[in-house]
Amino acid sequence: MRELLRKAKLGDKRAKELIIIACKPLIIKSYMSINIKNFEKEDIEQICVMVVLNVIEKIDLEKERLFFAYLKRSINNKLIDLKKRCDKNIIYIDNKELSENRMLKVETLEEEVLKREVINRLKNIVLSFSKDERILFEMVYINGEKLTSYADFMGINYSDAYKMKVKIRKSISSYYMER
């Protein structure tokens, strides 16, 4: 094991993999003994593997004789630290706040349904327009161009374009009068 540690410290990837495989039972035993919420087992195992790699880099082979004891202590410290951080992140929600939040969700849902209804109704109104009226609607109301540019584009009098605009406005406003 000491020879694998020396090779791993020098950067041998295969040696690091073999050490991780050898430490797998220790990793599993460690994360099974501590219950950490909001983490999958694979995530915790990956964190423990990172601890193993960190220990490989930091351990002094001349002074430290018991690699597995040092590793176990490091893994437990990391898991305890992780558990403390997860416990601090728990937020307790008051029932009153929760009910207000639900009411807001219902109101926003109603607003979304109404918006969709308005959009569908406007689509139907626009589809009922003639081709020239649709072009006018698109140019003037959607693109924001002036009515004179529409009249020039279509080659008609300004007064005819104005009458068409009034007709379109009445069609759209009649929808809002029905509501």
Protein backbone atom coordinates (compact mmCIF):
# COMPACT_ATOMS: atom_id res chain seq x y z
CA MET A 1 0.00 0.00 0.00
CA ARG A 2 2.85 2.35 0.83
CA GLU A 3 4.29 1.83 -2.67
CA LEU A 4 0.89 2.68 -4.22
CA LEU A 5 0.74 5.83 -2.12
CA ARG A 6 4.21 6.90 -3.32
CA LYS A 7 3.21 6.34 -6.97
CA ALA A 8 -0.09 8.17 -6.47
CA LYS A 9 1.72 11.09 -4.85
CA LEU A 10 3.92 11.30 -7.94
CA GLY A 11 0.80 11.52 -10.14
CA ASP A 12 0.21 7.92 -11.27
CA LYS A 13 -3.50 7.74 -12.13
CA ARG A 14 -3.63 3.95 -12.02
CA ALA A 15 -2.24 3.97 -8.47
CA LYS A 16 -4.88 6.51 -7.42
CA GLU A 17 -7.61 4.31 -8.91
CA LEU A 18 -6.32 1.26 -7.04
CA ILE A 19 -6.23 3.20 -3.76
CA ILE A 20 -9.81 4.40 -4.31
CA ILE A 21 -10.91 0.82 -5.02
CA ALA A 22 -9.14 -0.36 -1.86
CA CYS A 23 -10.83 2.39 0.18
CA LYS A 24 -14.31 1.71 -1.23
CA PRO A 25 -15.51 -0.38 1.78
CA LEU A 26 -14.32 2.33 4.17
CA ILE A 27 -16.15 4.98 2.12
CA ILE A 28 -19.38 2.98 2.08
CA LYS A 29 -19.19 2.27 5.82
CA SER A 30 -18.58 5.95 6.54
CA TYR A 31 -21.45 7.39 4.53
CA MET A 32 -23.86 4.69 5.70
CA SER A 33 -23.19 5.64 9.33
CA ILE A 34 -24.11 9.32 8.80
CA ASN A 35 -27.53 10.37 7.53
CA ILE A 36 -27.26 13.41 5.26
CA LYS A 37 -30.49 14.77 3.82
CA ASN A 38 -30.84 16.13 0.28
CA PHE A 39 -27.90 14.09 -1.04
CA GLU A 40 -27.89 10.92 -3.11
CA LYS A 41 -25.58 8.09 -2.09
CA GLU A 42 -23.60 8.55 -5.30
CA ASP A 43 -23.03 12.22 -4.50
CA ILE A 44 -21.78 11.44 -1.01
CA GLU A 45 -19.58 8.68 -2.39
CA GLN A 46 -18.11 11.12 -4.91
CA ILE A 47 -17.37 13.61 -2.11
CA CYS A 48 -15.62 10.84 -0.17
CA VAL A 49 -13.53 9.94 -3.23
CA MET A 50 -12.49 13.60 -3.44
CA VAL A 51 -11.44 13.38 0.22
CA VAL A 52 -9.36 10.29 -0.60
CA LEU A 53 -7.62 12.14 -3.42
CA ASN A 54 -7.04 15.12 -1.15
CA VAL A 55 -5.57 12.88 1.57
CA ILE A 56 -3.25 11.26 -0.99
CA GLU A 57 -1.90 14.70 -1.91
CA LYS A 58 -1.52 15.94 1.67
CA ILE A 59 -0.30 12.89 3.57
CA ASP A 60 3.35 12.82 4.60
CA LEU A 61 4.45 9.22 4.13
CA GLU A 62 7.47 9.60 6.40
CA LYS A 63 5.53 10.88 9.43
CA GLU A 64 2.08 9.29 8.97
CA ARG A 65 2.19 5.52 9.40
CA LEU A 66 -1.54 4.76 9.59
CA PHE A 67 -2.98 5.86 6.23
CA PHE A 68 -6.41 4.27 6.71
CA ALA A 69 -6.89 5.79 10.18
CA TYR A 70 -6.02 9.23 8.83
CA LEU A 71 -8.31 8.68 5.84
CA LYS A 72 -11.21 7.52 8.02
CA ARG A 73 -10.84 10.57 10.26
CA SER A 74 -10.75 12.88 7.21
CA ILE A 75 -13.85 11.29 5.63
CA ASN A 76 -15.80 11.49 8.90
CA ASN A 77 -14.82 15.14 9.39
CA LYS A 78 -15.94 15.99 5.84
CA LEU A 79 -19.27 14.16 6.24
CA ILE A 80 -19.96 15.80 9.61
CA ASP A 81 -19.17 19.20 8.10
CA LEU A 82 -21.47 18.46 5.16
CA LYS A 83 -24.26 17.37 7.51
CA LYS A 84 -23.93 20.58 9.55
CA ARG A 85 -24.11 22.71 6.41
CA CYS A 86 -27.20 20.83 5.21
CA ASP A 87 -28.92 21.24 8.59
CA LYS A 88 -28.28 25.00 8.51
CA ASN A 89 -29.89 25.29 5.08
CA ILE A 90 -33.22 23.91 6.26
CA ILE A 91 -35.88 26.62 6.16
CA TYR A 92 -39.01 26.30 8.24
CA ILE A 93 -42.05 27.80 6.51
CA ASP A 94 -44.95 29.12 8.51
CA ASN A 95 -48.36 27.71 7.52
CA LYS A 96 -49.68 31.23 7.02
CA GLU A 97 -46.92 32.02 4.52
CA LEU A 98 -47.53 28.73 2.76
CA SER A 99 -51.26 29.39 2.38
CA GLU A 100 -50.56 32.91 1.09
CA ASN A 101 -48.11 31.47 -1.41
CA ARG A 102 -50.74 28.98 -2.60
CA MET A 103 -53.25 31.80 -3.05
CA LEU A 104 -50.70 33.73 -5.13
CA LYS A 105 -50.16 30.64 -7.29
CA VAL A 106 -53.92 30.31 -7.85
CA GLU A 107 -54.17 33.99 -8.78
CA THR A 108 -51.27 33.76 -11.22
CA LEU A 109 -52.81 30.65 -12.73
CA GLU A 110 -56.10 32.50 -13.24
CA GLU A 111 -54.23 35.40 -14.83
CA GLU A 112 -52.44 33.01 -17.19
CA VAL A 113 -55.73 31.40 -18.23
CA LEU A 114 -57.27 34.83 -18.85
CA LYS A 115 -54.26 35.94 -20.89
CA ARG A 116 -54.49 32.82 -23.04
CA GLU A 117 -58.20 33.39 -23.51
CA VAL A 118 -57.61 37.00 -24.59
CA ILE A 119 -54.85 35.94 -26.98
CA ASN A 120 -57.02 33.23 -28.53
CA ARG A 121 -59.93 35.63 -28.91
CA LEU A 122 -57.68 38.27 -30.54
CA LYS A 123 -56.30 35.62 -32.89
CA ASN A 124 -59.84 34.76 -33.96
CA ILE A 125 -60.67 38.43 -34.49
CA VAL A 126 -57.54 38.98 -36.57
CA LEU A 127 -58.26 35.84 -38.62
CA SER A 128 -61.71 37.25 -39.41
CA PHE A 129 -60.08 40.34 -41.01
CA SER A 130 -59.57 40.58 -44.75
CA LYS A 131 -56.05 40.31 -46.14
CA ASP A 132 -55.68 44.10 -46.37
CA GLU A 133 -56.97 44.55 -42.82
CA ARG A 134 -54.46 41.98 -41.53
CA ILE A 135 -51.62 43.81 -43.26
CA LEU A 136 -52.81 47.10 -41.73
CA PHE A 137 -53.11 45.49 -38.28
CA GLU A 138 -49.60 44.07 -38.54
CA MET A 139 -48.00 47.25 -39.87
CA VAL A 140 -49.73 49.75 -37.60
CA TYR A 141 -50.50 47.88 -34.37
CA ILE A 142 -47.71 45.32 -34.23
CA ASN A 143 -44.79 46.99 -36.03
CA GLY A 144 -45.76 50.51 -34.92
CA GLU A 145 -45.56 52.09 -38.36
CA LYS A 146 -47.59 55.16 -39.29
CA LEU A 147 -50.86 54.89 -41.18
CA THR A 148 -49.41 56.95 -44.05
CA SER A 149 -46.73 54.30 -44.65
CA TYR A 150 -49.47 51.66 -44.88
CA ALA A 151 -51.44 53.81 -47.35
CA ASP A 152 -48.31 54.34 -49.46
CA PHE A 153 -47.45 50.62 -49.28
CA MET A 154 -50.92 49.55 -50.43
CA GLY A 155 -51.30 52.43 -52.91
CA ILE A 156 -54.58 53.70 -51.43
CA ASN A 157 -55.81 57.03 -50.09
CA TYR A 158 -55.08 57.96 -46.51
CA SER A 159 -58.82 58.35 -45.83
CA ASP A 160 -59.51 54.77 -46.97
CA ALA A 161 -56.71 53.50 -44.75
CA TYR A 162 -58.10 55.52 -41.84
CA LYS A 163 -61.60 54.03 -42.35
CA MET A 164 -60.07 50.54 -42.34
CA LYS A 165 -58.18 51.36 -39.12
CA VAL A 166 -61.41 52.57 -37.47
CA LYS A 167 -63.15 49.33 -38.53
CA ILE A 168 -60.34 47.24 -37.03
CA ARG A 169 -60.41 49.27 -33.81
CA LYS A 170 -64.19 48.77 -33.53
CA SER A 171 -63.81 45.00 -34.03
CA ILE A 172 -61.25 44.77 -31.28
CA SER A 173 -63.09 47.12 -28.90
CA SER A 174 -66.35 45.19 -29.42
CA TYR A 175 -64.63 42.19 -27.88
CA TYR A 176 -63.79 44.20 -24.76
CA MET A 177 -67.32 45.63 -24.59
CA GLU A 178 -68.72 42.07 -24.50
CA ARG A 179 -66.67 41.27 -21.42
